[in-house]
């Protein structure tokens, strides 16, 4: 078993968050190239996506949009993961944002993935991912992306694909953002 497969297996056994253990179908470790030049970090597996498929950003509209944008931008060595590995659901069974302690409990998994994947750029998908990785004082402004240093990588802000799907951000502009990301990757 490879070191990465061993990490994924240990994540699948995690029971640190009682509320998430109750509502998840499965634990969803990150997936993609190891190592990879770029790592995409979302919030949590979707109940109609990763929670069913076991692969982050797959099987639902957000996953289809993200993967289409990655492909159209010509990004080949990508790794995709989330702040938390389980789908958080609210009282009526709908997706909810993960709580701060759930994100903190899962931080060790994210840090382990970053250490193994060794990305040059970490793309934070959405303000929540940005705040938890870049810090609360870092301004989230994907339209004028300011790259920040983070350990051995650079942090890059982008909107979450769900934001685009809800019509809050134009898909053509989203594609432009992915092209800008590709330009950054080509520079390093």
N, C-alpha and C. Protein backbone atom coordinates (compact mmCIF):
# COMPACT_ATOMS: atom_id res chain seq x y z
N UNK A 1 0.85 -1.17 0.00
CA UNK A 1 0.00 0.00 0.00
C UNK A 1 0.90 1.25 0.00
N UNK A 2 0.59 2.19 -0.89
CA UNK A 2 1.38 3.42 -0.96
C UNK A 2 1.07 4.30 0.25
N UNK A 3 1.92 5.28 0.49
CA UNK A 3 1.71 6.20 1.60
C UNK A 3 0.39 6.95 1.43
N UNK A 4 0.08 7.33 0.18
CA UNK A 4 -1.16 8.06 -0.05
C UNK A 4 -2.38 7.16 0.17
N UNK A 5 -2.33 5.93 -0.29
CA UNK A 5 -3.42 4.99 -0.06
C UNK A 5 -3.61 4.74 1.43
N UNK A 6 -2.52 4.69 2.16
CA UNK A 6 -2.58 4.51 3.61
C UNK A 6 -3.25 5.72 4.28
N UNK A 7 -2.91 6.92 3.81
CA UNK A 7 -3.55 8.14 4.32
C UNK A 7 -5.05 8.10 4.05
N UNK A 8 -5.44 7.74 2.83
CA UNK A 8 -6.87 7.67 2.50
C UNK A 8 -7.58 6.65 3.38
N UNK A 9 -6.95 5.50 3.61
CA UNK A 9 -7.56 4.47 4.45
C UNK A 9 -7.76 4.98 5.88
N UNK A 10 -6.77 5.71 6.40
CA UNK A 10 -6.91 6.24 7.76
C UNK A 10 -8.03 7.28 7.84
N UNK A 11 -8.21 8.08 6.78
CA UNK A 11 -9.30 9.05 6.75
C UNK A 11 -10.64 8.35 6.78
N UNK A 12 -10.75 7.25 6.05
CA UNK A 12 -12.03 6.54 5.96
C UNK A 12 -12.48 5.96 7.30
N UNK A 13 -11.55 5.82 8.22
CA UNK A 13 -11.88 5.29 9.55
C UNK A 13 -12.20 6.39 10.56
N UNK A 14 -12.12 7.65 10.15
CA UNK A 14 -12.27 8.77 11.07
C UNK A 14 -13.69 8.83 11.64
N UNK A 15 -13.76 9.05 12.95
CA UNK A 15 -15.04 9.22 13.65
C UNK A 15 -14.96 10.40 14.62
N UNK A 16 -14.15 11.42 14.29
CA UNK A 16 -13.92 12.55 15.18
C UNK A 16 -15.14 13.45 15.37
N UNK A 17 -16.03 13.50 14.41
CA UNK A 17 -17.19 14.40 14.49
C UNK A 17 -18.47 13.58 14.55
N UNK A 18 -19.06 13.48 15.72
CA UNK A 18 -20.25 12.64 15.90
C UNK A 18 -21.38 13.02 14.96
N UNK A 19 -21.61 14.32 14.78
CA UNK A 19 -22.72 14.76 13.91
C UNK A 19 -22.47 14.36 12.46
N UNK A 20 -21.23 14.43 12.01
CA UNK A 20 -20.93 14.07 10.63
C UNK A 20 -20.98 12.56 10.43
N UNK A 21 -20.56 11.81 11.41
CA UNK A 21 -20.62 10.34 11.31
C UNK A 21 -22.06 9.89 11.13
N UNK A 22 -22.99 10.56 11.81
CA UNK A 22 -24.41 10.20 11.73
C UNK A 22 -25.01 10.47 10.35
N UNK A 23 -24.59 11.55 9.69
CA UNK A 23 -25.28 11.94 8.46
C UNK A 23 -24.53 11.56 7.18
N UNK A 24 -23.29 11.21 7.25
CA UNK A 24 -22.53 10.90 6.03
C UNK A 24 -22.86 9.51 5.50
N UNK A 25 -22.69 9.34 4.20
CA UNK A 25 -22.76 8.00 3.61
C UNK A 25 -21.38 7.36 3.63
N UNK A 26 -20.36 8.22 3.50
CA UNK A 26 -18.98 7.74 3.47
C UNK A 26 -18.04 8.92 3.73
N UNK A 27 -16.81 8.62 4.06
CA UNK A 27 -15.75 9.62 4.16
C UNK A 27 -15.18 9.79 2.76
N UNK A 28 -14.91 11.03 2.36
CA UNK A 28 -14.46 11.32 1.00
C UNK A 28 -13.07 11.97 1.03
N UNK A 29 -12.00 11.16 0.93
CA UNK A 29 -10.65 11.73 0.85
C UNK A 29 -10.45 12.46 -0.47
N UNK A 30 -9.41 13.27 -0.53
CA UNK A 30 -9.08 13.96 -1.77
C UNK A 30 -8.70 12.97 -2.85
N UNK A 31 -8.70 13.46 -4.10
CA UNK A 31 -8.47 12.57 -5.24
C UNK A 31 -7.76 13.35 -6.34
N UNK A 32 -6.89 12.67 -7.06
CA UNK A 32 -6.22 13.29 -8.20
C UNK A 32 -4.77 12.90 -8.28
N UNK A 33 -4.02 13.74 -8.98
CA UNK A 33 -2.60 13.48 -9.20
C UNK A 33 -1.81 13.69 -7.89
N UNK A 34 -0.86 12.80 -7.65
CA UNK A 34 0.03 12.91 -6.49
C UNK A 34 1.45 12.61 -6.99
N UNK A 35 2.33 13.59 -7.04
CA UNK A 35 2.15 15.00 -6.70
C UNK A 35 1.35 15.72 -7.79
N UNK A 36 0.96 16.96 -7.48
CA UNK A 36 0.21 17.78 -8.43
C UNK A 36 0.67 19.23 -8.29
N UNK A 37 0.67 19.95 -9.40
CA UNK A 37 1.04 21.36 -9.33
C UNK A 37 -0.05 22.20 -8.69
N UNK A 38 -1.30 21.76 -8.83
CA UNK A 38 -2.42 22.55 -8.29
C UNK A 38 -3.35 21.66 -7.48
N UNK A 39 -3.79 22.21 -6.34
CA UNK A 39 -4.74 21.53 -5.47
C UNK A 39 -5.96 22.45 -5.33
N UNK A 40 -7.14 21.91 -5.59
CA UNK A 40 -8.39 22.64 -5.41
C UNK A 40 -9.00 22.21 -4.07
N UNK A 41 -9.34 23.18 -3.23
CA UNK A 41 -9.91 22.87 -1.92
C UNK A 41 -11.30 23.51 -1.84
N UNK A 42 -12.31 22.67 -1.73
CA UNK A 42 -13.68 23.13 -1.55
C UNK A 42 -14.06 23.10 -0.08
N UNK A 43 -15.34 22.97 0.18
CA UNK A 43 -15.83 23.02 1.56
C UNK A 43 -16.07 21.62 2.12
N UNK A 44 -16.94 20.86 1.45
CA UNK A 44 -17.32 19.54 1.93
C UNK A 44 -17.92 18.75 0.77
N UNK A 45 -17.91 17.42 0.85
CA UNK A 45 -18.57 16.62 -0.19
C UNK A 45 -20.06 16.94 -0.23
N UNK A 46 -20.62 17.05 -1.42
CA UNK A 46 -22.05 17.30 -1.58
C UNK A 46 -22.85 16.03 -1.36
N UNK A 47 -24.06 16.18 -0.89
CA UNK A 47 -24.88 14.99 -0.61
C UNK A 47 -25.29 14.26 -1.88
N UNK A 48 -25.35 14.97 -3.04
CA UNK A 48 -25.66 14.30 -4.30
C UNK A 48 -24.40 14.04 -5.13
N UNK A 49 -23.25 14.37 -4.58
CA UNK A 49 -21.98 14.23 -5.29
C UNK A 49 -21.05 13.29 -4.56
N UNK A 50 -20.00 13.86 -3.95
CA UNK A 50 -18.97 13.07 -3.30
C UNK A 50 -19.48 12.13 -2.23
N UNK A 51 -20.53 12.52 -1.53
CA UNK A 51 -21.07 11.64 -0.48
C UNK A 51 -21.60 10.33 -1.08
N UNK A 52 -21.99 10.36 -2.33
CA UNK A 52 -22.47 9.15 -3.01
C UNK A 52 -21.33 8.46 -3.75
N UNK A 53 -20.52 9.24 -4.49
CA UNK A 53 -19.48 8.66 -5.35
C UNK A 53 -18.20 8.31 -4.60
N UNK A 54 -17.93 8.98 -3.49
CA UNK A 54 -16.68 8.76 -2.77
C UNK A 54 -15.52 9.57 -3.33
N UNK A 55 -15.81 10.42 -4.33
CA UNK A 55 -14.79 11.25 -4.98
C UNK A 55 -15.23 12.71 -4.87
N UNK A 56 -14.36 13.60 -4.36
CA UNK A 56 -14.78 14.99 -4.22
C UNK A 56 -15.11 15.64 -5.56
N UNK A 57 -16.11 16.49 -5.56
CA UNK A 57 -16.55 17.20 -6.75
C UNK A 57 -16.78 16.24 -7.93
N UNK A 58 -17.63 15.26 -7.69
CA UNK A 58 -18.03 14.35 -8.77
C UNK A 58 -19.48 13.95 -8.54
N UNK A 59 -20.21 13.73 -9.62
CA UNK A 59 -21.57 13.25 -9.53
C UNK A 59 -22.64 14.31 -9.32
N UNK A 60 -22.24 15.56 -9.13
CA UNK A 60 -23.24 16.62 -8.97
C UNK A 60 -22.88 17.79 -9.88
N UNK A 61 -23.72 18.80 -9.91
CA UNK A 61 -23.50 19.93 -10.83
C UNK A 61 -22.22 20.70 -10.51
N UNK A 62 -21.92 20.90 -9.24
CA UNK A 62 -20.68 21.61 -8.88
C UNK A 62 -19.46 20.84 -9.37
N UNK A 63 -19.48 19.54 -9.19
CA UNK A 63 -18.37 18.71 -9.64
C UNK A 63 -18.21 18.72 -11.15
N UNK A 64 -19.33 18.63 -11.85
CA UNK A 64 -19.26 18.65 -13.31
C UNK A 64 -18.71 19.97 -13.82
N UNK A 65 -19.15 21.08 -13.21
CA UNK A 65 -18.65 22.39 -13.64
C UNK A 65 -17.16 22.54 -13.32
N UNK A 66 -16.75 22.20 -12.11
CA UNK A 66 -15.34 22.32 -11.74
C UNK A 66 -14.47 21.48 -12.67
N UNK A 67 -14.82 20.25 -12.88
CA UNK A 67 -14.00 19.37 -13.72
C UNK A 67 -13.99 19.82 -15.18
N UNK A 68 -15.10 20.36 -15.67
CA UNK A 68 -15.14 20.89 -17.04
C UNK A 68 -14.21 22.09 -17.17
N UNK A 69 -14.21 22.97 -16.17
CA UNK A 69 -13.35 24.14 -16.21
C UNK A 69 -11.87 23.75 -16.15
N UNK A 70 -11.55 22.78 -15.32
CA UNK A 70 -10.17 22.29 -15.23
C UNK A 70 -9.73 21.73 -16.58
N UNK A 71 -10.60 20.94 -17.19
CA UNK A 71 -10.27 20.34 -18.49
C UNK A 71 -10.15 21.41 -19.58
N UNK A 72 -11.10 22.34 -19.64
CA UNK A 72 -11.07 23.39 -20.67
C UNK A 72 -9.86 24.30 -20.53
N UNK A 73 -9.38 24.48 -19.29
CA UNK A 73 -8.20 25.31 -19.06
C UNK A 73 -6.91 24.54 -19.35
N UNK A 74 -7.03 23.23 -19.60
CA UNK A 74 -5.84 22.43 -19.91
C UNK A 74 -4.98 22.12 -18.70
N UNK A 75 -5.59 22.07 -17.54
CA UNK A 75 -4.85 21.73 -16.31
C UNK A 75 -4.90 20.21 -16.15
N UNK A 76 -3.74 19.59 -16.25
CA UNK A 76 -3.71 18.12 -16.25
C UNK A 76 -3.35 17.50 -14.91
N UNK A 77 -2.51 18.13 -14.15
CA UNK A 77 -2.08 17.53 -12.88
C UNK A 77 -2.70 18.26 -11.71
N UNK A 78 -3.94 17.89 -11.42
CA UNK A 78 -4.70 18.55 -10.35
C UNK A 78 -5.09 17.53 -9.29
N UNK A 79 -5.25 18.03 -8.08
CA UNK A 79 -5.73 17.25 -6.96
C UNK A 79 -6.92 18.01 -6.38
N UNK A 80 -7.99 17.32 -6.05
CA UNK A 80 -9.22 17.96 -5.57
C UNK A 80 -9.58 17.40 -4.21
N UNK A 81 -9.86 18.30 -3.27
CA UNK A 81 -10.21 17.89 -1.91
C UNK A 81 -11.14 18.92 -1.28
N UNK A 82 -11.40 18.78 0.00
CA UNK A 82 -12.30 19.68 0.73
C UNK A 82 -11.75 19.97 2.12
N UNK A 83 -12.29 21.00 2.76
CA UNK A 83 -11.92 21.30 4.14
C UNK A 83 -12.29 20.14 5.06
N UNK A 84 -13.49 19.56 4.84
CA UNK A 84 -13.92 18.40 5.62
C UNK A 84 -14.19 17.24 4.67
N UNK A 85 -14.10 16.02 5.20
CA UNK A 85 -14.21 14.81 4.38
C UNK A 85 -15.60 14.18 4.41
N UNK A 86 -16.51 14.74 5.19
CA UNK A 86 -17.86 14.17 5.32
C UNK A 86 -18.89 15.22 4.94
N UNK A 87 -20.01 14.76 4.41
CA UNK A 87 -21.10 15.67 4.05
C UNK A 87 -21.86 16.11 5.30
N UNK A 88 -21.80 17.41 5.61
CA UNK A 88 -22.58 17.90 6.76
C UNK A 88 -24.01 18.20 6.34
N UNK A 89 -24.95 17.67 7.09
CA UNK A 89 -26.37 17.91 6.78
C UNK A 89 -27.05 18.57 7.96
N UNK A 90 -27.99 19.41 7.63
CA UNK A 90 -28.79 20.08 8.64
C UNK A 90 -29.93 19.21 9.11
N UNK A 91 -30.76 19.80 9.92
CA UNK A 91 -31.87 19.08 10.55
C UNK A 91 -32.86 18.49 9.53
N UNK A 92 -32.99 19.11 8.34
CA UNK A 92 -33.92 18.59 7.33
C UNK A 92 -33.22 17.78 6.24
N UNK A 93 -31.98 17.38 6.48
CA UNK A 93 -31.27 16.53 5.55
C UNK A 93 -30.58 17.25 4.40
N UNK A 94 -30.60 18.57 4.41
CA UNK A 94 -29.94 19.35 3.35
C UNK A 94 -28.50 19.65 3.73
N UNK A 95 -27.69 19.95 2.70
CA UNK A 95 -26.31 20.36 2.96
C UNK A 95 -26.31 21.57 3.90
N UNK A 96 -25.33 21.60 4.79
CA UNK A 96 -25.08 22.77 5.63
C UNK A 96 -23.59 23.03 5.61
N UNK A 97 -23.21 24.23 6.02
CA UNK A 97 -21.78 24.53 6.14
C UNK A 97 -21.22 23.74 7.32
N UNK A 98 -19.98 23.26 7.18
CA UNK A 98 -19.38 22.58 8.33
C UNK A 98 -19.11 23.59 9.46
N UNK A 99 -19.18 23.11 10.68
CA UNK A 99 -18.92 23.94 11.84
C UNK A 99 -17.41 24.11 12.02
N UNK A 100 -17.01 25.14 12.73
CA UNK A 100 -15.59 25.43 12.94
C UNK A 100 -14.86 24.25 13.56
N UNK A 101 -15.49 23.58 14.54
CA UNK A 101 -14.80 22.44 15.17
C UNK A 101 -14.70 21.26 14.21
N UNK A 102 -15.65 21.09 13.30
CA UNK A 102 -15.56 20.03 12.30
C UNK A 102 -14.41 20.30 11.33
N UNK A 103 -14.26 21.56 10.94
CA UNK A 103 -13.15 21.94 10.06
C UNK A 103 -11.83 21.73 10.79
N UNK A 104 -11.78 22.12 12.06
CA UNK A 104 -10.56 21.94 12.85
C UNK A 104 -10.21 20.46 13.00
N UNK A 105 -11.21 19.61 13.22
CA UNK A 105 -10.96 18.18 13.36
C UNK A 105 -10.40 17.58 12.07
N UNK A 106 -10.81 18.13 10.94
CA UNK A 106 -10.38 17.60 9.64
C UNK A 106 -9.08 18.25 9.13
N UNK A 107 -8.63 19.27 9.80
CA UNK A 107 -7.45 20.01 9.34
C UNK A 107 -6.23 19.10 9.18
N UNK A 108 -6.09 18.13 10.08
CA UNK A 108 -4.94 17.21 9.99
C UNK A 108 -4.96 16.43 8.67
N UNK A 109 -6.16 16.09 8.18
CA UNK A 109 -6.27 15.37 6.91
C UNK A 109 -5.85 16.28 5.75
N UNK A 110 -6.31 17.53 5.77
CA UNK A 110 -5.96 18.47 4.72
C UNK A 110 -4.45 18.73 4.71
N UNK A 111 -3.88 18.94 5.89
CA UNK A 111 -2.43 19.19 5.97
C UNK A 111 -1.63 17.98 5.48
N UNK A 112 -2.09 16.78 5.80
CA UNK A 112 -1.41 15.57 5.33
C UNK A 112 -1.49 15.46 3.81
N UNK A 113 -2.66 15.79 3.24
CA UNK A 113 -2.78 15.77 1.78
C UNK A 113 -1.86 16.80 1.14
N UNK A 114 -1.82 18.00 1.70
CA UNK A 114 -0.94 19.04 1.16
C UNK A 114 0.51 18.56 1.19
N UNK A 115 0.91 17.94 2.30
CA UNK A 115 2.29 17.45 2.42
C UNK A 115 2.62 16.38 1.38
N UNK A 116 1.68 15.51 1.08
CA UNK A 116 1.92 14.45 0.10
C UNK A 116 1.81 14.94 -1.34
N UNK A 117 0.84 15.80 -1.61
CA UNK A 117 0.59 16.27 -2.98
C UNK A 117 1.62 17.32 -3.40
N UNK A 118 2.12 18.09 -2.43
CA UNK A 118 3.12 19.14 -2.68
C UNK A 118 2.71 20.09 -3.80
N UNK A 119 1.51 20.69 -3.72
CA UNK A 119 1.07 21.59 -4.79
C UNK A 119 1.87 22.88 -4.79
N UNK A 120 2.03 23.45 -5.96
CA UNK A 120 2.65 24.78 -6.08
C UNK A 120 1.60 25.86 -5.85
N UNK A 121 0.36 25.57 -6.26
CA UNK A 121 -0.76 26.50 -6.05
C UNK A 121 -1.91 25.74 -5.39
N UNK A 122 -2.44 26.33 -4.31
CA UNK A 122 -3.64 25.81 -3.66
C UNK A 122 -4.77 26.77 -3.99
N UNK A 123 -5.76 26.28 -4.72
CA UNK A 123 -6.90 27.10 -5.11
C UNK A 123 -7.99 26.89 -4.07
N UNK A 124 -8.36 27.98 -3.40
CA UNK A 124 -9.41 27.94 -2.39
C UNK A 124 -10.73 28.27 -3.08
N UNK A 125 -11.62 27.29 -3.13
CA UNK A 125 -12.91 27.45 -3.81
C UNK A 125 -13.94 28.01 -2.84
N UNK A 126 -14.10 29.31 -2.86
CA UNK A 126 -15.08 29.97 -2.01
C UNK A 126 -14.45 30.64 -0.81
N UNK A 127 -15.21 31.57 -0.25
CA UNK A 127 -14.73 32.38 0.87
C UNK A 127 -14.45 31.54 2.11
N UNK A 128 -15.24 30.51 2.36
CA UNK A 128 -15.01 29.69 3.54
C UNK A 128 -13.67 28.97 3.46
N UNK A 129 -13.39 28.34 2.33
CA UNK A 129 -12.09 27.67 2.16
C UNK A 129 -10.96 28.68 2.27
N UNK A 130 -11.15 29.86 1.66
CA UNK A 130 -10.13 30.91 1.70
C UNK A 130 -9.83 31.34 3.14
N UNK A 131 -10.88 31.62 3.90
CA UNK A 131 -10.68 32.08 5.28
C UNK A 131 -9.97 31.05 6.14
N UNK A 132 -10.31 29.78 5.95
CA UNK A 132 -9.72 28.74 6.79
C UNK A 132 -8.31 28.37 6.37
N UNK A 133 -7.91 28.71 5.17
CA UNK A 133 -6.54 28.42 4.74
C UNK A 133 -5.68 29.68 4.74
N UNK A 134 -6.18 30.76 4.17
CA UNK A 134 -5.41 32.00 4.07
C UNK A 134 -5.45 32.81 5.37
N UNK A 135 -6.49 32.64 6.16
CA UNK A 135 -6.63 33.40 7.39
C UNK A 135 -7.78 34.39 7.29
N UNK A 136 -8.35 34.71 8.39
CA UNK A 136 -9.53 35.59 8.44
C UNK A 136 -9.25 36.99 7.93
N UNK A 137 -8.01 37.46 8.03
CA UNK A 137 -7.69 38.83 7.60
C UNK A 137 -7.39 38.95 6.11
N UNK A 138 -7.25 37.84 5.42
CA UNK A 138 -6.95 37.87 3.98
C UNK A 138 -8.24 38.16 3.21
N UNK A 139 -8.22 39.20 2.41
CA UNK A 139 -9.40 39.57 1.62
C UNK A 139 -9.67 38.53 0.54
N UNK A 140 -10.93 38.12 0.43
CA UNK A 140 -11.34 37.17 -0.61
C UNK A 140 -11.89 37.95 -1.79
N UNK A 141 -11.13 37.99 -2.89
CA UNK A 141 -11.54 38.75 -4.07
C UNK A 141 -11.08 38.03 -5.34
N UNK A 142 -11.81 37.00 -5.75
CA UNK A 142 -11.39 36.23 -6.92
C UNK A 142 -11.35 37.04 -8.22
N UNK A 143 -12.13 38.10 -8.32
CA UNK A 143 -12.12 38.86 -9.57
C UNK A 143 -10.82 39.63 -9.77
N UNK A 144 -10.13 39.91 -8.68
CA UNK A 144 -8.81 40.55 -8.73
C UNK A 144 -7.86 39.70 -7.90
N UNK A 145 -7.70 38.45 -8.30
CA UNK A 145 -7.00 37.45 -7.51
C UNK A 145 -5.61 37.91 -7.07
N UNK A 146 -5.45 38.00 -5.75
CA UNK A 146 -4.14 38.28 -5.17
C UNK A 146 -3.62 36.98 -4.59
N UNK A 147 -2.47 36.59 -5.05
CA UNK A 147 -1.87 35.33 -4.62
C UNK A 147 -1.11 35.56 -3.32
N UNK A 148 -1.32 34.67 -2.36
CA UNK A 148 -0.63 34.74 -1.08
C UNK A 148 0.29 33.54 -0.92
N UNK A 149 1.37 33.75 -0.19
CA UNK A 149 2.29 32.64 0.11
C UNK A 149 1.70 31.81 1.25
N UNK A 150 1.90 30.49 1.17
CA UNK A 150 1.44 29.56 2.21
C UNK A 150 2.41 28.39 2.23
N UNK A 151 3.27 28.35 3.23
CA UNK A 151 4.29 27.31 3.33
C UNK A 151 5.07 27.24 2.01
N UNK A 152 5.02 26.12 1.32
CA UNK A 152 5.74 25.95 0.06
C UNK A 152 4.85 26.14 -1.16
N UNK A 153 3.67 26.71 -0.96
CA UNK A 153 2.72 26.89 -2.05
C UNK A 153 2.22 28.33 -2.08
N UNK A 154 1.47 28.64 -3.13
CA UNK A 154 0.79 29.93 -3.23
C UNK A 154 -0.70 29.66 -3.12
N UNK A 155 -1.42 30.57 -2.46
CA UNK A 155 -2.87 30.45 -2.33
C UNK A 155 -3.53 31.33 -3.37
N UNK A 156 -4.55 30.78 -4.01
CA UNK A 156 -5.23 31.45 -5.12
C UNK A 156 -6.73 31.41 -4.85
N UNK A 157 -7.41 32.57 -4.77
CA UNK A 157 -8.85 32.57 -4.50
C UNK A 157 -9.69 32.41 -5.77
N UNK A 158 -10.70 31.56 -5.69
CA UNK A 158 -11.67 31.41 -6.78
C UNK A 158 -13.04 31.19 -6.17
N UNK A 159 -14.06 31.53 -6.93
CA UNK A 159 -15.41 31.25 -6.47
C UNK A 159 -15.67 29.74 -6.50
N UNK A 160 -16.52 29.31 -5.59
CA UNK A 160 -16.96 27.91 -5.57
C UNK A 160 -17.85 27.69 -6.79
N UNK A 161 -17.79 26.52 -7.43
CA UNK A 161 -18.66 26.29 -8.59
C UNK A 161 -20.15 26.44 -8.28
N UNK A 162 -20.56 26.15 -7.05
CA UNK A 162 -21.96 26.32 -6.67
C UNK A 162 -22.42 27.77 -6.79
N UNK A 163 -21.50 28.69 -6.57
CA UNK A 163 -21.80 30.12 -6.69
C UNK A 163 -22.13 30.46 -8.14
N UNK A 164 -21.42 29.83 -9.06
CA UNK A 164 -21.65 30.04 -10.50
C UNK A 164 -22.97 29.38 -10.90
N UNK A 165 -23.21 28.19 -10.42
CA UNK A 165 -24.44 27.45 -10.75
C UNK A 165 -25.68 28.23 -10.29
N UNK A 166 -25.59 28.89 -9.14
CA UNK A 166 -26.73 29.68 -8.64
C UNK A 166 -26.91 30.98 -9.41
N UNK A 167 -26.03 31.27 -10.35
CA UNK A 167 -26.16 32.47 -11.17
C UNK A 167 -25.56 33.72 -10.56
N UNK A 168 -24.81 33.57 -9.49
CA UNK A 168 -24.21 34.74 -8.83
C UNK A 168 -22.93 35.20 -9.52
N UNK A 169 -22.39 34.39 -10.40
CA UNK A 169 -21.17 34.74 -11.12
C UNK A 169 -21.26 34.10 -12.50
N UNK A 170 -20.90 34.84 -13.51
CA UNK A 170 -21.04 34.41 -14.90
C UNK A 170 -20.06 33.28 -15.25
N UNK A 171 -20.56 32.26 -15.93
CA UNK A 171 -19.73 31.11 -16.31
C UNK A 171 -18.58 31.51 -17.24
N UNK A 172 -18.79 32.51 -18.11
CA UNK A 172 -17.70 32.96 -18.99
C UNK A 172 -16.59 33.61 -18.18
N UNK A 173 -16.96 34.38 -17.17
CA UNK A 173 -15.95 34.98 -16.30
C UNK A 173 -15.23 33.91 -15.50
N UNK A 174 -15.97 32.87 -15.11
CA UNK A 174 -15.37 31.75 -14.37
C UNK A 174 -14.31 31.07 -15.24
N UNK A 175 -14.62 30.88 -16.51
CA UNK A 175 -13.65 30.29 -17.44
C UNK A 175 -12.43 31.20 -17.55
N UNK A 176 -12.66 32.50 -17.60
CA UNK A 176 -11.54 33.45 -17.64
C UNK A 176 -10.66 33.28 -16.41
N UNK A 177 -11.27 33.09 -15.25
CA UNK A 177 -10.52 32.89 -14.01
C UNK A 177 -9.66 31.63 -14.09
N UNK A 178 -10.19 30.57 -14.70
CA UNK A 178 -9.42 29.34 -14.85
C UNK A 178 -8.26 29.54 -15.83
N UNK A 179 -8.49 30.34 -16.85
CA UNK A 179 -7.38 30.65 -17.79
C UNK A 179 -6.28 31.43 -17.08
N UNK A 180 -6.68 32.36 -16.21
CA UNK A 180 -5.68 33.11 -15.44
C UNK A 180 -4.91 32.18 -14.52
N UNK A 181 -5.61 31.22 -13.92
CA UNK A 181 -4.94 30.23 -13.09
C UNK A 181 -3.93 29.45 -13.92
N UNK A 182 -4.34 29.04 -15.10
CA UNK A 182 -3.43 28.29 -15.99
C UNK A 182 -2.19 29.12 -16.32
N UNK A 183 -2.37 30.42 -16.54
CA UNK A 183 -1.23 31.31 -16.81
C UNK A 183 -0.28 31.31 -15.61
N UNK A 184 -0.83 31.37 -14.40
CA UNK A 184 -0.01 31.32 -13.20
C UNK A 184 0.77 30.01 -13.11
N UNK A 185 0.09 28.91 -13.42
CA UNK A 185 0.75 27.59 -13.40
C UNK A 185 1.88 27.54 -14.42
N UNK A 186 1.66 28.12 -15.58
CA UNK A 186 2.69 28.11 -16.63
C UNK A 186 3.91 28.92 -16.22
N UNK A 187 3.72 29.90 -15.36
CA UNK A 187 4.83 30.75 -14.92
C UNK A 187 5.74 30.06 -13.90
N UNK A 188 5.21 29.05 -13.23
CA UNK A 188 6.02 28.40 -12.20
C UNK A 188 6.62 27.09 -12.66
